[in-house]
């Protein structure tokens, strides 16, 4: 689901990464 969040919110992707 992290991929969905990353694709939905790039800002969240950077936070997760």
N, C-alpha and C. Protein backbone atom coordinates (compact mmCIF):
# COMPACT_ATOMS: atom_id res chain seq x y z
N UNK A 1 0.85 -1.20 0.00
CA UNK A 1 0.00 0.00 0.00
C UNK A 1 0.88 1.24 0.00
N UNK A 2 2.12 1.07 0.43
CA UNK A 2 3.05 2.20 0.44
C UNK A 2 3.22 2.75 -0.98
N UNK A 3 3.18 1.82 -1.96
CA UNK A 3 3.34 2.25 -3.36
C UNK A 3 2.16 3.14 -3.76
N UNK A 4 0.96 2.77 -3.30
CA UNK A 4 -0.22 3.55 -3.64
C UNK A 4 -0.09 4.96 -3.04
N UNK A 5 0.35 5.01 -1.82
CA UNK A 5 0.49 6.30 -1.13
C UNK A 5 1.55 7.13 -1.84
N UNK A 6 2.62 6.46 -2.24
CA UNK A 6 3.72 7.17 -2.91
C UNK A 6 3.25 7.74 -4.26
N UNK A 7 2.45 6.94 -4.95
CA UNK A 7 1.95 7.37 -6.26
C UNK A 7 0.88 8.45 -6.08
N UNK A 8 0.16 8.35 -4.97
CA UNK A 8 -0.91 9.31 -4.72
C UNK A 8 -0.33 10.61 -4.13
N UNK A 9 0.71 10.45 -3.31
CA UNK A 9 1.31 11.63 -2.67
C UNK A 9 2.83 11.51 -2.68
N UNK A 10 3.48 12.12 -3.65
CA UNK A 10 4.94 12.06 -3.75
C UNK A 10 5.60 12.61 -2.47
N UNK A 11 4.94 13.54 -1.83
CA UNK A 11 5.49 14.14 -0.61
C UNK A 11 5.58 13.08 0.48
N UNK A 12 4.64 12.14 0.47
CA UNK A 12 4.64 11.09 1.48
C UNK A 12 5.72 10.06 1.15
N UNK A 13 5.95 9.91 -0.15
CA UNK A 13 6.94 8.94 -0.60
C UNK A 13 8.32 9.33 -0.06
N UNK A 14 8.65 10.60 -0.15
CA UNK A 14 9.95 11.08 0.32
C UNK A 14 10.03 10.90 1.84
N UNK A 15 8.92 11.07 2.52
CA UNK A 15 8.90 10.90 3.97
C UNK A 15 9.13 9.43 4.33
N UNK A 16 8.51 8.54 3.54
CA UNK A 16 8.65 7.10 3.80
C UNK A 16 10.07 6.65 3.46
N UNK A 17 10.60 7.20 2.37
CA UNK A 17 11.96 6.82 1.95
C UNK A 17 12.94 7.52 2.87
